[in-house]
Amino acid sequence: MLIVFFRVFLIYLLIIFSLRLMGKRQIGQLQPSELVVTILVSNIATMSIEDTNVPLLGGIIPILSLVSFDVIISAISLKSKKARRIISGTPRVLIRDGKIDQAEMHELRFTIDDVMSQLRSNNVFDIQDVAFAIVETTGVLSVYQKYDARPLTPKDLNLPKPSAPDAPPVVMI
């Protein structure tokens, strides 16, 4: 029982270290390669925790190898635009001037419900208000509204800018 506890603790520390090495991202922001690494790491960690007959190094080496591959792929992606396009894909324009590109929607396997849901999460409730909507490589829809549909800002009203605070706000209980 103590061996299992030790294995879990060691694998846990290794995964925390590995994920910190891969960078801070939310699950919705993961590139396809990062998602694959995350899933594989969890499977390898599970195998090495559950089966005490598997040597601990049999789990540690594949996890470190996957994370190393991910870091190398990320470095290559930073340096090469072509590699970035191959590994992560490219953003795609889904809505242009209030009109949905049906062919693009079909290719991305988006339903109208998917599009409307993501538009609503961007505070857009009418497709006609959209100048451009771009599906990012993470699957998130970025929306640029038409000029007439954009929210009003203090700059639009020529309001004076308030003085900036000296420090960020602090929560006090």
Protein backbone atom coordinates (compact mmCIF):
# COMPACT_ATOMS: atom_id res chain seq x y z
CA MET A 1 0.00 0.00 0.00
CA LEU A 2 2.86 2.34 0.82
CA ILE A 3 4.41 1.59 -2.58
CA VAL A 4 1.21 2.68 -4.36
CA PHE A 5 1.12 5.88 -2.30
CA PHE A 6 4.75 6.60 -3.18
CA ARG A 7 4.10 5.93 -6.89
CA VAL A 8 1.04 8.22 -6.93
CA PHE A 9 2.95 11.00 -5.18
CA LEU A 10 5.93 10.71 -7.53
CA ILE A 11 3.79 10.58 -10.70
CA TYR A 12 1.70 13.49 -9.40
CA LEU A 13 4.80 15.64 -8.91
CA LEU A 14 6.09 14.62 -12.34
CA ILE A 15 2.82 15.56 -14.06
CA ILE A 16 2.65 18.92 -12.25
CA PHE A 17 6.23 19.62 -13.35
CA SER A 18 5.45 18.49 -16.90
CA LEU A 19 2.32 20.62 -17.24
CA ARG A 20 4.15 23.67 -15.87
CA LEU A 21 6.88 23.04 -18.42
CA MET A 22 4.30 22.86 -21.23
CA GLY A 23 2.88 26.28 -20.28
CA LYS A 24 -0.30 27.75 -18.86
CA ARG A 25 -3.37 27.11 -20.93
CA GLN A 26 -6.96 26.27 -20.29
CA ILE A 27 -8.34 23.10 -21.85
CA GLY A 28 -10.20 25.14 -24.48
CA GLN A 29 -6.97 26.84 -25.52
CA LEU A 30 -4.97 23.68 -26.12
CA GLN A 31 -3.57 23.11 -29.57
CA PRO A 32 -4.25 19.62 -30.97
CA SER A 33 -0.70 18.45 -30.21
CA GLU A 34 -0.94 19.67 -26.61
CA LEU A 35 -4.28 17.91 -26.13
CA VAL A 36 -2.80 14.65 -27.42
CA VAL A 37 0.16 14.95 -25.04
CA THR A 38 -2.17 15.68 -22.11
CA ILE A 39 -4.33 12.62 -22.85
CA LEU A 40 -1.32 10.35 -23.36
CA VAL A 41 0.35 11.56 -20.16
CA SER A 42 -2.80 10.83 -18.17
CA ASN A 43 -3.04 7.31 -19.65
CA ILE A 44 0.63 6.54 -18.99
CA ALA A 45 0.36 7.90 -15.46
CA THR A 46 -2.71 5.77 -14.80
CA MET A 47 -0.97 2.62 -16.01
CA SER A 48 2.12 3.20 -13.89
CA ILE A 49 0.01 3.98 -10.80
CA GLU A 50 -2.44 1.08 -11.11
CA ASP A 51 -0.05 -1.70 -12.09
CA THR A 52 2.67 -2.11 -9.49
CA ASN A 53 4.30 -4.77 -11.70
CA VAL A 54 5.25 -2.04 -14.18
CA PRO A 55 8.49 -0.39 -13.10
CA LEU A 56 8.07 3.26 -12.11
CA LEU A 57 10.68 4.21 -14.68
CA GLY A 58 8.36 2.59 -17.26
CA GLY A 59 5.96 5.47 -16.60
CA ILE A 60 8.40 8.28 -15.92
CA ILE A 61 10.46 7.94 -19.10
CA PRO A 62 7.46 8.01 -21.52
CA ILE A 63 5.93 10.99 -19.69
CA LEU A 64 9.18 12.96 -19.80
CA SER A 65 9.67 11.95 -23.46
CA LEU A 66 6.19 13.18 -24.43
CA VAL A 67 6.66 16.47 -22.60
CA SER A 68 10.09 16.90 -24.21
CA PHE A 69 8.58 16.27 -27.65
CA ASP A 70 5.87 18.84 -26.92
CA VAL A 71 8.43 21.45 -25.83
CA ILE A 72 10.52 20.77 -28.95
CA ILE A 73 7.45 20.97 -31.22
CA SER A 74 6.46 24.25 -29.52
CA ALA A 75 9.93 25.68 -30.11
CA ILE A 76 9.82 24.65 -33.76
CA SER A 77 6.35 26.19 -34.08
CA LEU A 78 7.62 29.47 -32.66
CA LYS A 79 10.44 29.59 -35.22
CA SER A 80 8.66 28.33 -38.35
CA LYS A 81 5.35 29.62 -39.71
CA LYS A 82 5.06 26.58 -42.00
CA ALA A 83 5.52 24.17 -39.08
CA ARG A 84 2.99 26.16 -37.04
CA ARG A 85 0.46 25.83 -39.87
CA ILE A 86 1.06 22.07 -40.13
CA ILE A 87 0.96 21.41 -36.38
CA SER A 88 -1.73 23.84 -35.22
CA GLY A 89 -3.66 24.67 -38.37
CA THR A 90 -4.77 28.16 -39.39
CA PRO A 91 -7.66 30.40 -38.32
CA ARG A 92 -10.63 30.21 -40.72
CA VAL A 93 -13.18 32.92 -41.56
CA LEU A 94 -16.65 31.51 -40.89
CA ILE A 95 -18.81 34.65 -41.15
CA ARG A 96 -18.09 37.54 -43.50
CA ASP A 97 -20.29 40.65 -43.55
CA GLY A 98 -23.16 38.92 -41.76
CA LYS A 99 -23.19 35.89 -44.06
CA ILE A 100 -22.15 32.40 -43.00
CA ASP A 101 -19.76 30.55 -45.30
CA GLN A 102 -21.62 27.23 -45.57
CA ALA A 103 -18.69 25.42 -47.23
CA GLU A 104 -16.36 26.48 -44.41
CA MET A 105 -18.94 25.49 -41.82
CA HIS A 106 -19.25 22.05 -43.43
CA GLU A 107 -15.46 21.61 -43.60
CA LEU A 108 -15.05 22.57 -39.92
CA ARG A 109 -18.03 20.36 -38.99
CA PHE A 110 -19.76 23.24 -37.21
CA THR A 111 -23.53 23.26 -36.83
CA ILE A 112 -25.57 26.44 -36.79
CA ASP A 113 -26.18 25.72 -33.08
CA ASP A 114 -22.40 25.70 -32.46
CA VAL A 115 -22.02 29.02 -34.28
CA MET A 116 -24.94 30.68 -32.50
CA SER A 117 -23.74 29.45 -29.11
CA GLN A 118 -20.29 30.92 -29.65
CA LEU A 119 -21.75 34.16 -31.02
CA ARG A 120 -23.90 34.51 -27.89
CA SER A 121 -20.86 33.93 -25.69
CA ASN A 122 -19.34 36.94 -27.51
CA ASN A 123 -22.51 39.00 -26.77
CA VAL A 124 -23.68 38.86 -30.38
CA PHE A 125 -27.25 37.74 -30.91
CA ASP A 126 -27.75 38.58 -34.60
CA ILE A 127 -25.51 37.24 -37.36
CA GLN A 128 -26.20 40.39 -39.37
CA ASP A 129 -24.20 42.37 -36.75
CA VAL A 130 -21.00 40.43 -37.53
CA ALA A 131 -18.35 41.89 -39.85
CA PHE A 132 -16.05 38.86 -39.41
CA ALA A 133 -16.14 35.73 -37.29
CA ILE A 134 -12.98 33.66 -37.29
CA VAL A 135 -12.60 30.14 -35.94
CA GLU A 136 -9.24 30.10 -34.18
CA THR A 137 -6.98 27.03 -34.16
CA THR A 138 -8.31 26.18 -30.70
CA GLY A 139 -11.90 26.06 -31.97
CA VAL A 140 -12.90 29.34 -30.31
CA LEU A 141 -14.86 31.83 -32.40
CA SER A 142 -13.45 35.37 -32.46
CA VAL A 143 -16.03 37.95 -33.47
CA TYR A 144 -15.50 41.41 -34.93
CA GLN A 145 -18.77 43.31 -35.00
CA LYS A 146 -19.89 45.79 -37.62
CA TYR A 147 -19.32 49.42 -36.64
CA ASP A 148 -23.02 50.14 -35.98
CA ALA A 149 -23.39 47.09 -33.73
CA ARG A 150 -20.38 47.66 -31.48
CA PRO A 151 -20.99 48.57 -27.85
CA LEU A 152 -20.71 52.20 -26.88
CA THR A 153 -17.45 53.14 -25.12
CA PRO A 154 -16.37 56.20 -23.09
CA LYS A 155 -14.09 57.13 -26.00
CA ASP A 156 -17.12 57.29 -28.31
CA LEU A 157 -18.70 59.80 -25.93
CA ASN A 158 -15.45 61.79 -25.51
CA LEU A 159 -15.56 61.25 -21.75
CA PRO A 160 -12.41 62.17 -19.81
CA LYS A 161 -10.21 59.30 -18.75
CA PRO A 162 -10.30 58.71 -14.97
CA SER A 163 -7.03 58.78 -13.10
CA ALA A 164 -5.35 55.41 -12.98
CA PRO A 165 -5.11 53.70 -9.59
CA ASP A 166 -1.65 53.38 -8.04
CA ALA A 167 -1.98 49.63 -7.59
CA PRO A 168 -4.34 46.86 -8.68
CA PRO A 169 -7.44 46.39 -6.51
CA VAL A 170 -7.09 44.09 -3.51
CA VAL A 171 -9.86 41.83 -2.21
CA MET A 172 -10.60 42.51 1.46
CA ILE A 173 -12.87 40.33 3.52
